[in-house]
Every structure is written in structure tokens, then in C-alpha cells.
Amino acid sequence: MKILMPVMAALLAGCAASPEIISSSEDNVVIYAPPSVAQEASQVLADKECAKSNKTARLVREPDANSPWAASYFFCIGPRENSAEIKNEKSD
């Protein structure tokens, strides 16, 4: 029993230190990451999830730094949408 408790604590700590998908669809992804996890880790996970639909993830709402339960919101953007955004940026 003395060995089991530290092992369980280590497993739980390892699970809590990585981002998790809360919800996902073809058009968006919501990811929770503990405050100790860099935003880049959430971006990588969102990109992987959006890639299932041949899209890339674009962060639309960052988590609130004051809330430990806040989530990052991403839109899954397809190649057609990305090219339209690039054209709009050039015309500005």
C-alpha cells in the first residue's frame, strides 16, 4: 500500500499536465489545459484534431489566466478559408 500511493499520485500528476479535448467537431475544438501547460501544447492538439478534417486550427479564444477551468477555443479552418484570409490581409 505504501508503494501504491506514490505511484497513483505520479500517474495522476502526469495526466493533469497535458491538454485534453473537451469537445470537437469538424468546425471547432475546445481544449482544456492546466495553467502549467504552455499554450503551444493546446495548439498542437487542436491541429491534430482539425487535421482529421484536412483543416488547421486557429485560436479564437484564449483561456482566462485567472480561472483554472478555462478552455481554449479553436476554429478548424480549411485551405479555402485560409486563402481568403490571406487575400483580405493583402488588400488592407
N, C-alpha and C. Protein backbone atom coordinates (compact mmCIF):
# COMPACT_ATOMS: atom_id res chain seq x y z
N MET A 1 0.82 -1.20 0.00
CA MET A 1 0.00 0.00 0.00
C MET A 1 0.86 1.26 0.00
N LYS A 2 2.01 1.21 0.69
CA LYS A 2 2.88 2.38 0.74
C LYS A 2 3.45 2.70 -0.64
N ILE A 3 3.65 1.69 -1.45
CA ILE A 3 4.18 1.90 -2.79
C ILE A 3 3.07 2.37 -3.74
N LEU A 4 1.88 1.88 -3.52
CA LEU A 4 0.76 2.19 -4.41
C LEU A 4 0.40 3.68 -4.41
N MET A 5 0.42 4.32 -3.27
CA MET A 5 0.03 5.74 -3.18
C MET A 5 0.96 6.65 -3.99
N PRO A 6 2.28 6.56 -3.88
CA PRO A 6 3.13 7.42 -4.70
C PRO A 6 2.99 7.14 -6.19
N VAL A 7 2.79 5.88 -6.54
CA VAL A 7 2.62 5.53 -7.95
C VAL A 7 1.34 6.16 -8.49
N MET A 8 0.26 6.07 -7.75
CA MET A 8 -1.01 6.66 -8.17
C MET A 8 -0.89 8.19 -8.26
N ALA A 9 -0.21 8.80 -7.31
CA ALA A 9 -0.03 10.25 -7.33
C ALA A 9 0.76 10.67 -8.57
N ALA A 10 1.79 9.92 -8.92
CA ALA A 10 2.59 10.23 -10.10
C ALA A 10 1.77 10.08 -11.37
N LEU A 11 0.95 9.05 -11.45
CA LEU A 11 0.10 8.85 -12.62
C LEU A 11 -0.91 9.99 -12.77
N LEU A 12 -1.51 10.38 -11.68
CA LEU A 12 -2.49 11.46 -11.73
C LEU A 12 -1.84 12.79 -12.09
N ALA A 13 -0.66 13.03 -11.57
CA ALA A 13 0.06 14.27 -11.89
C ALA A 13 0.42 14.31 -13.36
N GLY A 14 0.82 13.18 -13.91
CA GLY A 14 1.16 13.12 -15.33
C GLY A 14 -0.04 13.37 -16.22
N CYS A 15 -1.19 12.88 -15.83
CA CYS A 15 -2.40 13.08 -16.62
C CYS A 15 -2.86 14.52 -16.58
N ALA A 16 -2.69 15.16 -15.45
CA ALA A 16 -3.17 16.53 -15.28
C ALA A 16 -2.30 17.54 -16.00
N ALA A 17 -1.11 17.15 -16.41
CA ALA A 17 -0.18 18.11 -17.00
C ALA A 17 -0.22 18.12 -18.52
N SER A 18 -1.26 17.58 -19.11
CA SER A 18 -1.36 17.61 -20.57
C SER A 18 -2.74 18.12 -20.97
N PRO A 19 -2.82 18.77 -22.13
CA PRO A 19 -4.12 19.28 -22.58
C PRO A 19 -5.07 18.15 -22.95
N GLU A 20 -6.36 18.41 -22.80
CA GLU A 20 -7.39 17.42 -23.12
C GLU A 20 -8.47 18.06 -23.98
N ILE A 21 -8.98 17.29 -24.92
CA ILE A 21 -10.08 17.77 -25.75
C ILE A 21 -11.37 17.65 -24.96
N ILE A 22 -12.07 18.77 -24.83
CA ILE A 22 -13.36 18.79 -24.14
C ILE A 22 -14.47 18.48 -25.13
N SER A 23 -14.40 19.13 -26.30
CA SER A 23 -15.36 18.85 -27.36
C SER A 23 -14.70 19.11 -28.70
N SER A 24 -15.24 18.45 -29.71
CA SER A 24 -14.65 18.56 -31.03
C SER A 24 -15.70 18.31 -32.10
N SER A 25 -15.60 19.05 -33.18
CA SER A 25 -16.45 18.82 -34.35
C SER A 25 -15.58 19.11 -35.58
N GLU A 26 -16.18 19.03 -36.74
CA GLU A 26 -15.45 19.32 -37.97
C GLU A 26 -15.04 20.79 -38.05
N ASP A 27 -15.76 21.65 -37.32
CA ASP A 27 -15.53 23.09 -37.42
C ASP A 27 -14.85 23.73 -36.21
N ASN A 28 -14.82 23.05 -35.07
CA ASN A 28 -14.18 23.66 -33.91
C ASN A 28 -13.70 22.62 -32.91
N VAL A 29 -12.80 23.07 -32.04
CA VAL A 29 -12.24 22.22 -30.99
C VAL A 29 -12.14 23.06 -29.72
N VAL A 30 -12.52 22.47 -28.60
CA VAL A 30 -12.37 23.12 -27.30
C VAL A 30 -11.42 22.26 -26.48
N ILE A 31 -10.37 22.89 -25.96
CA ILE A 31 -9.34 22.16 -25.24
C ILE A 31 -9.11 22.78 -23.87
N TYR A 32 -9.05 21.90 -22.87
CA TYR A 32 -8.67 22.33 -21.52
C TYR A 32 -7.22 21.97 -21.31
N ALA A 33 -6.46 22.91 -20.78
CA ALA A 33 -5.08 22.65 -20.38
C ALA A 33 -4.86 23.33 -19.04
N PRO A 34 -4.24 22.64 -18.10
CA PRO A 34 -3.94 23.27 -16.81
C PRO A 34 -3.07 24.51 -17.02
N PRO A 35 -3.12 25.47 -16.11
CA PRO A 35 -2.32 26.69 -16.26
C PRO A 35 -0.81 26.43 -16.42
N SER A 36 -0.34 25.31 -15.93
CA SER A 36 1.09 25.00 -16.02
C SER A 36 1.51 24.55 -17.42
N VAL A 37 0.55 24.30 -18.31
CA VAL A 37 0.84 23.81 -19.66
C VAL A 37 0.89 24.99 -20.63
N ALA A 38 1.90 25.02 -21.48
CA ALA A 38 2.06 26.11 -22.45
C ALA A 38 0.94 26.05 -23.49
N GLN A 39 0.56 27.22 -23.99
CA GLN A 39 -0.50 27.32 -24.99
C GLN A 39 -0.15 26.54 -26.26
N GLU A 40 1.14 26.42 -26.55
CA GLU A 40 1.57 25.70 -27.75
C GLU A 40 1.12 24.23 -27.73
N ALA A 41 1.06 23.64 -26.54
CA ALA A 41 0.61 22.24 -26.43
C ALA A 41 -0.85 22.11 -26.82
N SER A 42 -1.66 23.09 -26.47
CA SER A 42 -3.07 23.09 -26.87
C SER A 42 -3.19 23.28 -28.38
N GLN A 43 -2.36 24.14 -28.93
CA GLN A 43 -2.37 24.38 -30.38
C GLN A 43 -2.04 23.11 -31.14
N VAL A 44 -1.02 22.38 -30.68
CA VAL A 44 -0.61 21.13 -31.34
C VAL A 44 -1.76 20.12 -31.31
N LEU A 45 -2.41 19.98 -30.16
CA LEU A 45 -3.51 19.04 -30.04
C LEU A 45 -4.69 19.46 -30.93
N ALA A 46 -4.99 20.75 -30.97
CA ALA A 46 -6.07 21.24 -31.82
C ALA A 46 -5.75 21.02 -33.29
N ASP A 47 -4.50 21.25 -33.68
CA ASP A 47 -4.10 21.00 -35.07
C ASP A 47 -4.28 19.53 -35.45
N LYS A 48 -3.92 18.65 -34.54
CA LYS A 48 -4.09 17.21 -34.81
C LYS A 48 -5.57 16.86 -34.98
N GLU A 49 -6.41 17.45 -34.14
CA GLU A 49 -7.84 17.16 -34.21
C GLU A 49 -8.45 17.73 -35.49
N CYS A 50 -8.09 18.95 -35.86
CA CYS A 50 -8.62 19.56 -37.08
C CYS A 50 -8.08 18.85 -38.32
N ALA A 51 -6.89 18.29 -38.23
CA ALA A 51 -6.30 17.58 -39.38
C ALA A 51 -7.15 16.39 -39.81
N LYS A 52 -7.96 15.87 -38.92
CA LYS A 52 -8.86 14.77 -39.26
C LYS A 52 -9.84 15.19 -40.36
N SER A 53 -10.09 16.50 -40.47
CA SER A 53 -10.98 17.05 -41.49
C SER A 53 -10.18 17.82 -42.55
N ASN A 54 -8.87 17.58 -42.61
CA ASN A 54 -7.98 18.30 -43.54
C ASN A 54 -8.02 19.81 -43.33
N LYS A 55 -8.04 20.22 -42.06
CA LYS A 55 -8.07 21.63 -41.72
C LYS A 55 -6.97 21.92 -40.70
N THR A 56 -6.73 23.20 -40.45
CA THR A 56 -5.79 23.61 -39.41
C THR A 56 -6.54 24.39 -38.34
N ALA A 57 -5.98 24.41 -37.15
CA ALA A 57 -6.65 25.06 -36.02
C ALA A 57 -6.21 26.52 -35.91
N ARG A 58 -7.19 27.38 -35.67
CA ARG A 58 -6.92 28.79 -35.43
C ARG A 58 -7.50 29.15 -34.06
N LEU A 59 -6.66 29.64 -33.16
CA LEU A 59 -7.10 30.03 -31.83
C LEU A 59 -8.01 31.24 -31.92
N VAL A 60 -9.20 31.13 -31.35
CA VAL A 60 -10.15 32.25 -31.37
C VAL A 60 -10.43 32.79 -29.97
N ARG A 61 -10.12 32.00 -28.95
CA ARG A 61 -10.31 32.49 -27.58
C ARG A 61 -9.33 31.79 -26.66
N GLU A 62 -8.49 32.59 -26.02
CA GLU A 62 -7.52 32.05 -25.08
C GLU A 62 -8.19 31.81 -23.73
N PRO A 63 -7.61 30.92 -22.94
CA PRO A 63 -8.18 30.69 -21.61
C PRO A 63 -7.94 31.89 -20.70
N ASP A 64 -8.83 32.08 -19.77
CA ASP A 64 -8.70 33.14 -18.77
C ASP A 64 -7.62 32.73 -17.78
N ALA A 65 -6.57 33.52 -17.67
CA ALA A 65 -5.44 33.19 -16.79
C ALA A 65 -5.85 33.09 -15.33
N ASN A 66 -6.94 33.73 -14.95
CA ASN A 66 -7.38 33.71 -13.55
C ASN A 66 -8.26 32.51 -13.21
N SER A 67 -8.65 31.75 -14.20
CA SER A 67 -9.53 30.61 -13.97
C SER A 67 -8.81 29.30 -14.28
N PRO A 68 -8.71 28.41 -13.31
CA PRO A 68 -8.04 27.14 -13.56
C PRO A 68 -8.87 26.20 -14.45
N TRP A 69 -10.13 26.54 -14.71
CA TRP A 69 -11.01 25.66 -15.50
C TRP A 69 -11.26 26.21 -16.89
N ALA A 70 -10.59 27.27 -17.26
CA ALA A 70 -10.83 27.89 -18.56
C ALA A 70 -10.30 27.01 -19.69
N ALA A 71 -10.90 27.18 -20.86
CA ALA A 71 -10.53 26.37 -22.01
C ALA A 71 -10.12 27.28 -23.17
N SER A 72 -9.39 26.70 -24.10
CA SER A 72 -9.02 27.38 -25.34
C SER A 72 -10.00 26.95 -26.43
N TYR A 73 -10.44 27.91 -27.24
CA TYR A 73 -11.38 27.63 -28.31
C TYR A 73 -10.69 27.83 -29.66
N PHE A 74 -10.83 26.85 -30.53
CA PHE A 74 -10.21 26.89 -31.85
C PHE A 74 -11.26 26.66 -32.93
N PHE A 75 -11.12 27.38 -34.05
CA PHE A 75 -11.89 27.08 -35.24
C PHE A 75 -11.02 26.22 -36.13
N CYS A 76 -11.61 25.25 -36.81
CA CYS A 76 -10.90 24.44 -37.79
C CYS A 76 -11.10 25.11 -39.14
N ILE A 77 -10.01 25.58 -39.72
CA ILE A 77 -10.03 26.36 -40.94
C ILE A 77 -9.50 25.52 -42.09
N GLY A 78 -10.27 25.46 -43.17
CA GLY A 78 -9.85 24.71 -44.35
C GLY A 78 -8.96 25.54 -45.26
N PRO A 79 -8.34 24.92 -46.25
CA PRO A 79 -7.44 25.62 -47.17
C PRO A 79 -8.13 26.78 -47.89
N ARG A 80 -9.37 26.60 -48.27
CA ARG A 80 -10.11 27.65 -48.97
C ARG A 80 -10.29 28.87 -48.07
N GLU A 81 -10.61 28.64 -46.80
CA GLU A 81 -10.79 29.75 -45.86
C GLU A 81 -9.47 30.45 -45.57
N ASN A 82 -8.38 29.70 -45.48
CA ASN A 82 -7.07 30.30 -45.25
C ASN A 82 -6.67 31.20 -46.40
N SER A 83 -6.89 30.79 -47.64
CA SER A 83 -6.50 31.60 -48.78
C SER A 83 -7.34 32.88 -48.85
N ALA A 84 -8.60 32.82 -48.48
CA ALA A 84 -9.45 34.01 -48.45
C ALA A 84 -8.95 35.01 -47.42
N GLU A 85 -8.49 34.52 -46.27
CA GLU A 85 -7.97 35.39 -45.24
C GLU A 85 -6.69 36.06 -45.70
N ILE A 86 -5.85 35.33 -46.41
CA ILE A 86 -4.60 35.89 -46.91
C ILE A 86 -4.89 37.01 -47.90
N LYS A 87 -5.85 36.80 -48.81
CA LYS A 87 -6.22 37.83 -49.77
C LYS A 87 -6.74 39.07 -49.07
N ASN A 88 -7.54 38.90 -48.01
CA ASN A 88 -8.07 40.04 -47.26
C ASN A 88 -6.96 40.80 -46.57
N GLU A 89 -5.97 40.10 -46.05
CA GLU A 89 -4.85 40.76 -45.37
C GLU A 89 -4.04 41.58 -46.36
N LYS A 90 -3.87 41.09 -47.60
CA LYS A 90 -3.10 41.81 -48.61
C LYS A 90 -3.81 43.07 -49.08
N SER A 91 -5.13 43.07 -49.08
CA SER A 91 -5.88 44.22 -49.57
C SER A 91 -6.02 45.31 -48.51
N ASP A 92 -5.72 45.00 -47.26
CA ASP A 92 -5.84 46.01 -46.18
C ASP A 92 -4.74 47.03 -46.21
